[in-house]
Amino acid sequence: MRMTIRSAAVLLACGLFASCALAPQDEGGDPKALLEEIVALERAALDRWITLDPQGYLDLMAPEVTYFDPTTDARVDGLEAMQMRLAPIRNMKLPFKDPRYDMLNPKVQRHGDVALLTFNIVSYGTLPDKPESVLARWNSTEVYARIDGKWKIAHSHWSYVKPEIKQPGVVSSQ
């Protein structure tokens, strides 16, 4: 009897977890329209970012935003901390010309007032005396929350795309 109650409790807990984890996506309207809306917000911020203007992202962030990237030692908590973290960028000089980017594979998943945007990005620029080249490749996850009727970034995580591993004895064509 004791084992049966324990087994039933475990099965019930597993069933509850599975029902939450596998809950159908709440589209909340036209998925294509939502993708276009969220991607437009992100692109507007990126368009400013590639010219070393972080304000587009700061304007999109919720007051309680959290943030990770490969250069952070720990999570950054809150809009004020993000403003301090990004303030030095405003005084930097762009080290390349003609910045641009390609946003690849954007996907939005909505669950109520939360939308998860994932995408890859390739940034390009022209370094002095060189042709345009790829400057960086990133993976991005942005968690948007609908706050007072507006989509705001509640969490942001950027990571490098897996680098190409050079094989011993293989000469690069570049």
C-alpha atoms as a PDB file:
ATOM      1  CA  MET A   1       0.000   0.000   0.000  1.00  0.00           C
ATOM      2  CA  ARG A   2       2.773   2.404   0.956  1.00  0.00           C
ATOM      3  CA  MET A   3       4.593   1.768  -2.329  1.00  0.00           C
ATOM      4  CA  THR A   4       1.352   2.221  -4.275  1.00  0.00           C
ATOM      5  CA  ILE A   5       0.689   5.657  -2.745  1.00  0.00           C
ATOM      6  CA  ARG A   6       4.277   6.719  -3.402  1.00  0.00           C
ATOM      7  CA  SER A   7       4.064   5.437  -6.984  1.00  0.00           C
ATOM      8  CA  ALA A   8       0.766   7.241  -7.501  1.00  0.00           C
ATOM      9  CA  ALA A   9       2.252  10.479  -6.140  1.00  0.00           C
ATOM     10  CA  VAL A  10       5.248  10.183  -8.465  1.00  0.00           C
ATOM     11  CA  LEU A  11       3.015   9.444 -11.447  1.00  0.00           C
ATOM     12  CA  LEU A  12       0.745  12.371 -10.568  1.00  0.00           C
ATOM     13  CA  ALA A  13       3.735  14.723 -10.251  1.00  0.00           C
ATOM     14  CA  CYS A  14       5.158  13.493 -13.567  1.00  0.00           C
ATOM     15  CA  GLY A  15       1.773  13.916 -15.226  1.00  0.00           C
ATOM     16  CA  LEU A  16       1.413  17.475 -13.931  1.00  0.00           C
ATOM     17  CA  PHE A  17       4.935  18.341 -15.066  1.00  0.00           C
ATOM     18  CA  ALA A  18       4.373  16.844 -18.507  1.00  0.00           C
ATOM     19  CA  SER A  19       1.063  18.644 -18.951  1.00  0.00           C
ATOM     20  CA  CYS A  20       2.731  21.978 -18.143  1.00  0.00           C
ATOM     21  CA  ALA A  21       5.876  21.295 -20.153  1.00  0.00           C
ATOM     22  CA  LEU A  22       3.936  20.105 -23.173  1.00  0.00           C
ATOM     23  CA  ALA A  23       1.173  22.719 -23.007  1.00  0.00           C
ATOM     24  CA  PRO A  24       0.194  23.885 -26.466  1.00  0.00           C
ATOM     25  CA  GLN A  25       1.674  27.166 -27.609  1.00  0.00           C
ATOM     26  CA  ASP A  26      -0.691  30.079 -26.992  1.00  0.00           C
ATOM     27  CA  GLU A  27      -0.624  31.821 -30.329  1.00  0.00           C
ATOM     28  CA  GLY A  28      -2.671  34.789 -29.125  1.00  0.00           C
ATOM     29  CA  GLY A  29      -3.512  35.766 -32.701  1.00  0.00           C
ATOM     30  CA  ASP A  30      -1.745  35.509 -36.023  1.00  0.00           C
ATOM     31  CA  PRO A  31       1.714  33.915 -35.505  1.00  0.00           C
ATOM     32  CA  LYS A  32       3.069  35.576 -38.661  1.00  0.00           C
ATOM     33  CA  ALA A  33       1.966  39.030 -37.467  1.00  0.00           C
ATOM     34  CA  LEU A  34       3.584  38.415 -34.081  1.00  0.00           C
ATOM     35  CA  LEU A  35       6.840  37.309 -35.742  1.00  0.00           C
ATOM     36  CA  GLU A  36       6.834  40.461 -37.878  1.00  0.00           C
ATOM     37  CA  GLU A  37       6.094  42.689 -34.856  1.00  0.00           C
ATOM     38  CA  ILE A  38       8.788  41.221 -32.589  1.00  0.00           C
ATOM     39  CA  VAL A  39      11.388  41.011 -35.375  1.00  0.00           C
ATOM     40  CA  ALA A  40      10.684  44.655 -36.304  1.00  0.00           C
ATOM     41  CA  LEU A  41      11.377  45.700 -32.692  1.00  0.00           C
ATOM     42  CA  GLU A  42      14.594  43.680 -32.629  1.00  0.00           C
ATOM     43  CA  ARG A  43      15.766  44.980 -36.013  1.00  0.00           C
ATOM     44  CA  ALA A  44      15.155  48.589 -34.957  1.00  0.00           C
ATOM     45  CA  ALA A  45      17.380  48.013 -31.911  1.00  0.00           C
ATOM     46  CA  LEU A  46      20.015  46.178 -33.991  1.00  0.00           C
ATOM     47  CA  ASP A  47      20.065  48.968 -36.590  1.00  0.00           C
ATOM     48  CA  ARG A  48      21.121  51.366 -33.839  1.00  0.00           C
ATOM     49  CA  TRP A  49      23.427  48.866 -32.118  1.00  0.00           C
ATOM     50  CA  ILE A  50      25.640  48.330 -35.185  1.00  0.00           C
ATOM     51  CA  THR A  51      26.419  52.064 -35.139  1.00  0.00           C
ATOM     52  CA  LEU A  52      27.367  51.831 -31.425  1.00  0.00           C
ATOM     53  CA  ASP A  53      24.071  53.289 -30.195  1.00  0.00           C
ATOM     54  CA  PRO A  54      22.736  51.029 -27.409  1.00  0.00           C
ATOM     55  CA  GLN A  55      19.667  53.189 -26.766  1.00  0.00           C
ATOM     56  CA  GLY A  56      17.461  51.115 -29.071  1.00  0.00           C
ATOM     57  CA  TYR A  57      17.980  48.099 -26.839  1.00  0.00           C
ATOM     58  CA  LEU A  58      17.770  50.097 -23.621  1.00  0.00           C
ATOM     59  CA  ASP A  59      14.401  51.491 -24.748  1.00  0.00           C
ATOM     60  CA  LEU A  60      13.152  47.938 -25.351  1.00  0.00           C
ATOM     61  CA  MET A  61      14.249  46.519 -21.997  1.00  0.00           C
ATOM     62  CA  ALA A  62      11.922  45.997 -19.053  1.00  0.00           C
ATOM     63  CA  PRO A  63      12.992  47.556 -15.733  1.00  0.00           C
ATOM     64  CA  GLU A  64      13.750  44.081 -14.334  1.00  0.00           C
ATOM     65  CA  VAL A  65      15.658  42.832 -17.400  1.00  0.00           C
ATOM     66  CA  THR A  66      18.306  40.146 -16.954  1.00  0.00           C
ATOM     67  CA  TYR A  67      21.207  39.618 -19.345  1.00  0.00           C
ATOM     68  CA  PHE A  68      24.055  37.240 -20.219  1.00  0.00           C
ATOM     69  CA  ASP A  69      26.721  37.278 -22.924  1.00  0.00           C
ATOM     70  CA  PRO A  70      30.182  35.697 -23.287  1.00  0.00           C
ATOM     71  CA  THR A  71      31.834  38.739 -21.691  1.00  0.00           C
ATOM     72  CA  THR A  72      29.768  38.742 -18.488  1.00  0.00           C
ATOM     73  CA  ASP A  73      31.093  37.030 -15.377  1.00  0.00           C
ATOM     74  CA  ALA A  74      27.611  36.886 -13.890  1.00  0.00           C
ATOM     75  CA  ARG A  75      24.053  37.751 -14.805  1.00  0.00           C
ATOM     76  CA  VAL A  76      23.358  41.482 -15.205  1.00  0.00           C
ATOM     77  CA  ASP A  77      20.197  42.414 -13.281  1.00  0.00           C
ATOM     78  CA  GLY A  78      17.991  45.400 -14.037  1.00  0.00           C
ATOM     79  CA  LEU A  79      17.798  48.240 -16.505  1.00  0.00           C
ATOM     80  CA  GLU A  80      20.019  50.515 -14.432  1.00  0.00           C
ATOM     81  CA  ALA A  81      22.811  47.909 -14.440  1.00  0.00           C
ATOM     82  CA  MET A  82      22.381  47.495 -18.213  1.00  0.00           C
ATOM     83  CA  GLN A  83      22.625  51.262 -18.704  1.00  0.00           C
ATOM     84  CA  MET A  84      25.886  51.308 -16.752  1.00  0.00           C
ATOM     85  CA  ARG A  85      27.201  48.282 -18.666  1.00  0.00           C
ATOM     86  CA  LEU A  86      26.432  49.811 -22.067  1.00  0.00           C
ATOM     87  CA  ALA A  87      27.372  53.438 -21.289  1.00  0.00           C
ATOM     88  CA  PRO A  88      31.014  53.075 -22.494  1.00  0.00           C
ATOM     89  CA  ILE A  89      29.805  52.003 -25.947  1.00  0.00           C
ATOM     90  CA  ARG A  90      28.476  55.514 -26.570  1.00  0.00           C
ATOM     91  CA  ASN A  91      32.042  56.891 -26.444  1.00  0.00           C
ATOM     92  CA  MET A  92      33.588  54.297 -28.739  1.00  0.00           C
ATOM     93  CA  LYS A  93      34.546  54.967 -32.331  1.00  0.00           C
ATOM     94  CA  LEU A  94      33.370  52.447 -34.896  1.00  0.00           C
ATOM     95  CA  PRO A  95      36.533  50.507 -35.946  1.00  0.00           C
ATOM     96  CA  PHE A  96      35.067  49.563 -39.334  1.00  0.00           C
ATOM     97  CA  LYS A  97      32.947  51.081 -42.094  1.00  0.00           C
ATOM     98  CA  ASP A  98      29.643  50.102 -43.632  1.00  0.00           C
ATOM     99  CA  PRO A  99      28.247  47.990 -40.790  1.00  0.00           C
ATOM    100  CA  ARG A 100      25.407  45.654 -41.642  1.00  0.00           C
ATOM    101  CA  TYR A 101      23.978  42.376 -40.438  1.00  0.00           C
ATOM    102  CA  ASP A 102      21.900  39.425 -41.522  1.00  0.00           C
ATOM    103  CA  MET A 103      19.298  38.098 -39.096  1.00  0.00           C
ATOM    104  CA  LEU A 104      18.902  34.395 -39.820  1.00  0.00           C
ATOM    105  CA  ASN A 105      16.228  31.908 -38.804  1.00  0.00           C
ATOM    106  CA  PRO A 106      14.113  34.155 -36.560  1.00  0.00           C
ATOM    107  CA  LYS A 107      11.482  32.220 -34.640  1.00  0.00           C
ATOM    108  CA  VAL A 108       8.909  33.510 -32.158  1.00  0.00           C
ATOM    109  CA  GLN A 109       7.075  31.264 -29.715  1.00  0.00           C
ATOM    110  CA  ARG A 110       4.272  32.895 -27.730  1.00  0.00           C
ATOM    111  CA  HIS A 111       2.803  31.743 -24.454  1.00  0.00           C
ATOM    112  CA  GLY A 112       0.300  34.311 -23.198  1.00  0.00           C
ATOM    113  CA  ASP A 113       2.063  37.594 -22.496  1.00  0.00           C
ATOM    114  CA  VAL A 114       5.525  36.105 -23.072  1.00  0.00           C
ATOM    115  CA  ALA A 115       7.176  35.685 -26.467  1.00  0.00           C
ATOM    116  CA  LEU A 116      10.504  33.961 -27.032  1.00  0.00           C
ATOM    117  CA  LEU A 117      12.544  35.219 -29.997  1.00  0.00           C
ATOM    118  CA  THR A 118      15.502  33.145 -31.145  1.00  0.00           C
ATOM    119  CA  PHE A 119      17.721  33.919 -34.108  1.00  0.00           C
ATOM    120  CA  ASN A 120      21.250  33.835 -35.472  1.00  0.00           C
ATOM    121  CA  ILE A 121      23.033  36.955 -36.612  1.00  0.00           C
ATOM    122  CA  VAL A 122      26.039  37.545 -38.831  1.00  0.00           C
ATOM    123  CA  SER A 123      27.558  41.018 -38.676  1.00  0.00           C
ATOM    124  CA  TYR A 124      29.691  42.482 -41.446  1.00  0.00           C
ATOM    125  CA  GLY A 125      31.899  45.501 -41.879  1.00  0.00           C
ATOM    126  CA  THR A 126      34.805  46.881 -43.847  1.00  0.00           C
ATOM    127  CA  LEU A 127      38.088  47.157 -41.969  1.00  0.00           C
ATOM    128  CA  PRO A 128      40.689  49.680 -43.201  1.00  0.00           C
ATOM    129  CA  ASP A 129      42.285  48.595 -46.492  1.00  0.00           C
ATOM    130  CA  LYS A 130      40.281  45.348 -46.580  1.00  0.00           C
ATOM    131  CA  PRO A 131      37.138  44.137 -48.334  1.00  0.00           C
ATOM    132  CA  GLU A 132      33.917  43.632 -46.400  1.00  0.00           C
ATOM    133  CA  SER A 133      34.174  40.650 -44.080  1.00  0.00           C
ATOM    134  CA  VAL A 134      32.265  38.783 -41.410  1.00  0.00           C
ATOM    135  CA  LEU A 135      33.031  40.410 -38.067  1.00  0.00           C
ATOM    136  CA  ALA A 136      31.016  38.152 -35.769  1.00  0.00           C
ATOM    137  CA  ARG A 137      28.454  35.360 -35.656  1.00  0.00           C
ATOM    138  CA  TRP A 138      26.026  35.157 -32.770  1.00  0.00           C
ATOM    139  CA  ASN A 139      23.142  33.134 -31.376  1.00  0.00           C
ATOM    140  CA  SER A 140      20.506  35.222 -29.614  1.00  0.00           C
ATOM    141  CA  THR A 141      17.619  34.467 -27.306  1.00  0.00           C
ATOM    142  CA  GLU A 142      15.355  37.345 -26.311  1.00  0.00           C
ATOM    143  CA  VAL A 143      12.459  36.809 -23.915  1.00  0.00           C
ATOM    144  CA  TYR A 144       9.835  39.469 -24.508  1.00  0.00           C
ATOM    145  CA  ALA A 145       7.042  40.188 -22.007  1.00  0.00           C
ATOM    146  CA  ARG A 146       3.928  42.190 -22.800  1.00  0.00           C
ATOM    147  CA  ILE A 147       3.999  44.972 -20.194  1.00  0.00           C
ATOM    148  CA  ASP A 148       1.307  47.660 -20.253  1.00  0.00           C
ATOM    149  CA  GLY A 149       0.436  46.627 -23.802  1.00  0.00           C
ATOM    150  CA  LYS A 150       4.017  46.877 -25.141  1.00  0.00           C
ATOM    151  CA  TRP A 151       6.570  44.162 -25.831  1.00  0.00           C
ATOM    152  CA  LYS A 152       9.648  44.612 -23.624  1.00  0.00           C
ATOM    153  CA  ILE A 153      12.781  42.473 -23.301  1.00  0.00           C
ATOM    154  CA  ALA A 154      12.657  40.694 -19.938  1.00  0.00           C
ATOM    155  CA  HIS A 155      15.744  38.553 -20.576  1.00  0.00           C
ATOM    156  CA  SER A 156      18.494  38.610 -23.193  1.00  0.00           C
ATOM    157  CA  HIS A 157      21.181  36.005 -23.835  1.00  0.00           C
ATOM    158  CA  TRP A 158      23.827  36.255 -26.557  1.00  0.00           C
ATOM    159  CA  SER A 159      26.411  33.582 -27.307  1.00  0.00           C
ATOM    160  CA  TYR A 160      29.006  33.028 -29.989  1.00  0.00           C
ATOM    161  CA  VAL A 161      28.177  30.629 -32.785  1.00  0.00           C
ATOM    162  CA  LYS A 162      30.410  27.582 -32.571  1.00  0.00           C
ATOM    163  CA  PRO A 163      33.698  28.589 -34.197  1.00  0.00           C
ATOM    164  CA  GLU A 164      35.138  26.708 -37.112  1.00  0.00           C
ATOM    165  CA  ILE A 165      37.699  24.236 -35.857  1.00  0.00           C
ATOM    166  CA  LYS A 166      40.750  24.177 -38.063  1.00  0.00           C
ATOM    167  CA  GLN A 167      41.964  20.708 -38.821  1.00  0.00           C
ATOM    168  CA  PRO A 168      45.696  20.064 -38.439  1.00  0.00           C
ATOM    169  CA  GLY A 169      47.435  20.240 -41.794  1.00  0.00           C
ATOM    170  CA  VAL A 170      44.515  21.948 -43.544  1.00  0.00           C
ATOM    171  CA  VAL A 171      45.353  25.286 -45.128  1.00  0.00           C
ATOM    172  CA  SER A 172      42.605  27.895 -45.092  1.00  0.00           C
ATOM    173  CA  SER A 173      41.557  29.372 -48.425  1.00  0.00           C
ATOM    174  CA  GLN A 174      41.464  32.866 -46.910  1.00  0.00           C
END
